[in-house]
């Protein structure tokens, strides 16, 4: 079974367009869990364009109240305090999620669009990863399907990798001639990660069209999906959208 972790960033983005707490991020997280999602993902950024520190705290409590549910907080580990954003690491250590996915995005990026270069950042990440693991938080690194880089992910102490699936999703959407090569590279990356003892997650632009094939990736354990699931929820309702993704992952 491949776990579905629902990313609630876009629910928070809609809420932040007006004053107040509508839509309620926690209430929508509860719907996802009650429908069968195995986890919740958030990516708090320093500019608080969507998920805010208070959301992370509230969702940590929500997930802790459900047996077998995992809370995943992702973000740039080098992001420091900004206003009432305390920095990613203090927020993660305070809320103690089950998993922290470290992502190399800058403050001005619209969305994550590449994996870590561990030749450059590995030495900076090692003490951060050690600190998270000492706090019993599983560490996943956002990675491109590069075998050398995945080996370095093991060397710096990561528990899992999250394969960046943006190029795969784009190739499926355009049905271009790179699709087979891209998918083969992801399969090779997954197999390599397995030989190293790394767990395998995936995420970015996965949807009901490209997910049926991607779910066959060797050893895939978890996908985090937010944007496409939120768009589908507008068309079919949130509970129905979560069910559709769960059915897709189970091959129904």
Protein backbone atom coordinates (compact mmCIF):
# COMPACT_ATOMS: atom_id res chain seq x y z
CA UNK A 1 0.00 0.00 0.00
CA UNK A 2 1.31 3.44 -0.96
CA UNK A 3 0.43 6.12 1.58
CA UNK A 4 -1.32 9.33 0.54
CA UNK A 5 -0.24 12.44 2.43
CA UNK A 6 -2.49 15.37 1.53
CA UNK A 7 -0.74 18.72 1.22
CA UNK A 8 -3.01 21.45 2.61
CA UNK A 9 -1.05 24.47 1.38
CA UNK A 10 -3.61 25.45 -1.24
CA UNK A 11 -6.45 25.34 1.29
CA UNK A 12 -4.43 27.78 3.39
CA UNK A 13 -3.74 29.94 0.33
CA UNK A 14 -7.47 30.35 -0.29
CA UNK A 15 -8.03 31.17 3.39
CA UNK A 16 -5.30 33.79 3.35
CA UNK A 17 -6.99 35.70 0.53
CA UNK A 18 -9.55 37.00 3.05
CA UNK A 19 -9.68 37.89 6.72
CA UNK A 20 -10.71 35.17 9.15
CA UNK A 21 -10.41 31.38 9.08
CA UNK A 22 -12.46 30.36 6.06
CA UNK A 23 -11.79 27.79 4.76
CA UNK A 24 -10.60 26.19 8.00
CA UNK A 25 -7.37 24.31 7.26
CA UNK A 26 -7.70 21.95 10.23
CA UNK A 27 -11.31 21.11 9.37
CA UNK A 28 -10.29 20.20 5.83
CA UNK A 29 -7.38 18.16 7.17
CA UNK A 30 -9.87 16.27 9.33
CA UNK A 31 -11.99 15.48 6.26
CA UNK A 32 -8.92 14.05 4.50
CA UNK A 33 -8.06 11.82 7.45
CA UNK A 34 -11.62 10.68 8.02
CA UNK A 35 -11.83 9.75 4.33
CA UNK A 36 -8.78 7.52 4.65
CA UNK A 37 -5.68 9.59 3.84
CA UNK A 38 -2.71 8.26 5.77
CA UNK A 39 -1.07 11.61 6.39
CA UNK A 40 -1.03 15.38 6.17
CA UNK A 41 1.76 17.45 4.60
CA UNK A 42 2.45 21.17 4.99
CA UNK A 43 5.21 23.36 3.59
CA UNK A 44 5.44 26.51 5.71
CA UNK A 45 7.42 29.28 4.02
CA UNK A 46 8.88 32.38 5.66
CA UNK A 47 6.52 34.72 3.77
CA UNK A 48 3.53 32.72 5.12
CA UNK A 49 1.82 32.88 1.74
CA UNK A 50 -0.18 29.79 2.72
CA UNK A 51 0.59 27.61 5.76
CA UNK A 52 1.35 29.63 8.88
CA UNK A 53 3.19 28.52 12.03
CA UNK A 54 -0.11 28.28 13.90
CA UNK A 55 -1.43 25.88 11.26
CA UNK A 56 1.58 23.63 11.77
CA UNK A 57 0.92 23.50 15.51
CA UNK A 58 -2.82 22.86 15.05
CA UNK A 59 -2.29 20.15 12.44
CA UNK A 60 0.33 18.45 14.60
CA UNK A 61 -2.33 18.12 17.30
CA UNK A 62 -4.88 16.88 14.76
CA UNK A 63 -2.57 14.15 13.47
CA UNK A 64 -1.48 13.15 16.99
CA UNK A 65 -5.14 12.48 17.77
CA UNK A 66 -5.47 9.88 14.99
CA UNK A 67 -3.78 6.49 15.33
CA UNK A 68 -1.57 5.52 12.42
CA UNK A 69 -1.57 8.99 10.87
CA UNK A 70 1.68 10.70 9.92
CA UNK A 71 2.38 14.42 9.91
CA UNK A 72 4.98 15.61 7.39
CA UNK A 73 6.46 19.11 7.53
CA UNK A 74 8.58 20.12 4.56
CA UNK A 75 10.68 23.13 3.82
CA UNK A 76 14.07 24.75 3.49
CA UNK A 77 16.18 23.84 6.54
CA UNK A 78 18.25 26.99 6.08
CA UNK A 79 15.21 29.30 6.28
CA UNK A 80 15.61 31.48 9.34
CA UNK A 81 13.16 33.63 11.30
CA UNK A 82 11.06 36.21 9.48
CA UNK A 83 8.41 38.16 11.38
CA UNK A 84 6.48 35.65 13.46
CA UNK A 85 7.83 32.77 11.38
CA UNK A 86 10.38 31.17 13.74
CA UNK A 87 12.43 29.40 11.06
CA UNK A 88 11.84 25.89 9.79
CA UNK A 89 14.01 24.02 12.25
CA UNK A 90 12.63 25.61 15.45
CA UNK A 91 9.08 25.03 14.16
CA UNK A 92 9.77 21.38 13.29
CA UNK A 93 11.48 20.63 16.58
CA UNK A 94 8.60 22.29 18.47
CA UNK A 95 5.84 20.36 16.68
CA UNK A 96 7.73 17.04 16.35
CA UNK A 97 6.18 15.70 13.12
CA UNK A 98 6.65 12.08 12.14
CA UNK A 99 8.64 13.17 9.10
CA UNK A 100 10.49 16.26 7.99
CA UNK A 101 11.13 16.60 4.27
CA UNK A 102 14.00 18.98 3.61
CA UNK A 103 13.65 20.94 0.38
CA UNK A 104 16.20 23.28 -1.27
CA UNK A 105 13.79 26.08 -2.23
CA UNK A 106 14.56 29.77 -1.85
CA UNK A 107 12.19 32.27 -0.27
CA UNK A 108 11.23 33.77 -3.64
CA UNK A 109 10.41 30.49 -5.43
CA UNK A 110 6.81 29.99 -6.50
CA UNK A 111 7.15 26.27 -5.79
CA UNK A 112 9.86 23.64 -5.32
CA UNK A 113 11.48 22.83 -8.66
CA UNK A 114 14.69 20.87 -8.05
CA UNK A 115 16.35 18.47 -5.67
CA UNK A 116 19.36 18.99 -3.40
CA UNK A 117 22.90 19.24 -4.70
CA UNK A 118 24.53 17.33 -1.87
CA UNK A 119 28.04 17.93 -3.18
CA UNK A 120 27.38 21.56 -2.31
CA UNK A 121 24.99 21.31 0.64
CA UNK A 122 25.74 17.92 2.19
CA UNK A 123 28.10 19.15 4.91
CA UNK A 124 25.60 21.82 5.95
CA UNK A 125 22.77 19.31 6.06
CA UNK A 126 24.51 16.62 8.12
CA UNK A 127 24.17 18.32 11.54
CA UNK A 128 20.57 19.29 10.72
CA UNK A 129 19.69 15.72 9.81
CA UNK A 130 21.39 14.47 12.96
CA UNK A 131 19.41 16.93 15.08
CA UNK A 132 16.12 15.81 13.54
CA UNK A 133 16.88 12.13 13.91
CA UNK A 134 17.95 12.67 17.53
CA UNK A 135 14.44 14.09 18.03
CA UNK A 136 12.94 10.87 16.54
CA UNK A 137 11.85 12.67 13.38
CA UNK A 138 12.29 10.74 10.12
CA UNK A 139 14.24 12.75 7.54
CA UNK A 140 13.47 12.75 3.83
CA UNK A 141 15.47 14.75 1.26
CA UNK A 142 13.89 16.21 -1.87
CA UNK A 143 15.97 14.76 -4.70
CA UNK A 144 16.25 14.52 -8.46
CA UNK A 145 16.64 10.99 -9.90
CA UNK A 146 20.44 11.23 -9.87
CA UNK A 147 22.13 8.05 -8.62
CA UNK A 148 25.27 9.79 -7.35
CA UNK A 149 23.24 12.34 -5.43
CA UNK A 150 21.03 9.62 -3.94
CA UNK A 151 24.13 7.83 -2.69
CA UNK A 152 25.14 11.07 -0.99
CA UNK A 153 21.68 11.27 0.61
CA UNK A 154 22.46 8.01 2.37
CA UNK A 155 25.90 9.27 3.34
CA UNK A 156 24.57 12.43 5.03
CA UNK A 157 22.15 10.36 7.14
CA UNK A 158 18.74 10.68 5.41
CA UNK A 159 16.11 8.01 6.06
CA UNK A 160 14.22 8.54 2.82
CA UNK A 161 14.31 10.50 -0.40
CA UNK A 162 11.37 12.25 -2.03
CA UNK A 163 11.77 12.08 -5.78
CA UNK A 164 10.88 15.34 -7.53
CA UNK A 165 8.24 14.33 -10.07
CA UNK A 166 7.73 17.68 -11.85
CA UNK A 167 9.51 16.71 -15.10
CA UNK A 168 7.68 13.37 -15.18
CA UNK A 169 4.31 15.09 -14.77
CA UNK A 170 5.14 17.60 -17.49
CA UNK A 171 6.21 14.82 -19.85
CA UNK A 172 2.94 12.96 -19.27
CA UNK A 173 0.91 16.13 -19.85
CA UNK A 174 2.70 16.89 -23.11
CA UNK A 175 3.18 13.23 -24.11
CA UNK A 176 6.63 14.21 -25.29
CA UNK A 177 9.43 11.91 -26.37
CA UNK A 178 11.25 12.29 -23.04
CA UNK A 179 8.59 10.47 -21.03
CA UNK A 180 10.02 6.95 -21.25
CA UNK A 181 13.53 8.09 -20.41
CA UNK A 182 12.32 10.16 -17.46
CA UNK A 183 10.25 7.33 -16.02
CA UNK A 184 13.13 4.88 -16.51
CA UNK A 185 15.42 7.28 -14.63
CA UNK A 186 12.96 7.42 -11.74
CA UNK A 187 12.72 3.63 -11.64
CA UNK A 188 16.52 3.35 -11.61
CA UNK A 189 16.72 5.96 -8.86
CA UNK A 190 14.15 4.06 -6.78
CA UNK A 191 15.97 0.78 -7.21
CA UNK A 192 19.25 2.43 -6.25
CA UNK A 193 17.69 3.98 -3.16
CA UNK A 194 16.35 0.58 -2.12
CA UNK A 195 19.80 -1.01 -2.39
CA UNK A 196 21.11 1.74 -0.09
CA UNK A 197 18.37 1.14 2.48
CA UNK A 198 16.61 4.43 1.79
CA UNK A 199 12.83 4.75 1.82
CA UNK A 200 11.13 6.27 -1.23
CA UNK A 201 8.58 9.08 -1.33
CA UNK A 202 7.53 11.16 -4.31
CA UNK A 203 5.76 14.38 -5.04
CA UNK A 204 5.14 17.40 -7.25
CA UNK A 205 2.39 17.76 -9.85
CA UNK A 206 1.18 14.17 -9.44
CA UNK A 207 -2.49 13.82 -10.38
CA UNK A 208 -5.12 11.28 -11.33
CA UNK A 209 -3.80 11.12 -14.91
CA UNK A 210 -0.09 10.55 -14.26
CA UNK A 211 -0.33 8.71 -10.92
CA UNK A 212 -1.51 5.28 -12.20
CA UNK A 213 1.82 4.71 -13.91
CA UNK A 214 3.95 6.34 -11.26
CA UNK A 215 2.46 4.18 -8.52
CA UNK A 216 4.30 1.23 -10.11
CA UNK A 217 7.65 2.79 -9.15
CA UNK A 218 9.69 0.12 -7.30
CA UNK A 219 9.42 0.48 -3.53
CA UNK A 220 7.30 3.63 -3.54
CA UNK A 221 6.01 4.22 0.01
CA UNK A 222 4.34 7.64 0.06
CA UNK A 223 3.16 10.40 -2.25
CA UNK A 224 2.29 13.91 -1.13
CA UNK A 225 -0.30 15.64 -3.29
CA UNK A 226 -1.83 19.05 -2.82
CA UNK A 227 -2.39 21.25 -5.86
CA UNK A 228 -4.04 18.69 -8.13
CA UNK A 229 -6.09 17.17 -5.32
CA UNK A 230 -7.37 20.63 -4.35
CA UNK A 231 -8.35 21.36 -7.95
CA UNK A 232 -10.10 17.99 -8.19
CA UNK A 233 -11.88 18.74 -4.92
CA UNK A 234 -13.38 21.84 -6.55
CA UNK A 235 -14.86 19.58 -9.21
CA UNK A 236 -15.88 16.53 -7.20
CA UNK A 237 -15.79 17.50 -3.51
CA UNK A 238 -12.89 16.97 -1.09
CA UNK A 239 -13.93 13.61 0.33
CA UNK A 240 -14.59 12.25 -3.17
CA UNK A 241 -11.22 13.58 -4.38
CA UNK A 242 -9.35 11.90 -1.50
CA UNK A 243 -11.20 8.64 -2.22
CA UNK A 244 -10.33 8.91 -5.92
CA UNK A 245 -6.61 9.23 -5.13
CA UNK A 246 -6.72 6.38 -2.63
CA UNK A 247 -8.43 4.16 -5.24
CA UNK A 248 -5.83 5.19 -7.79
CA UNK A 249 -2.96 4.26 -5.48
CA UNK A 250 -4.53 0.89 -4.66
CA UNK A 251 -5.10 0.09 -8.33
CA UNK A 252 -8.88 0.14 -8.20
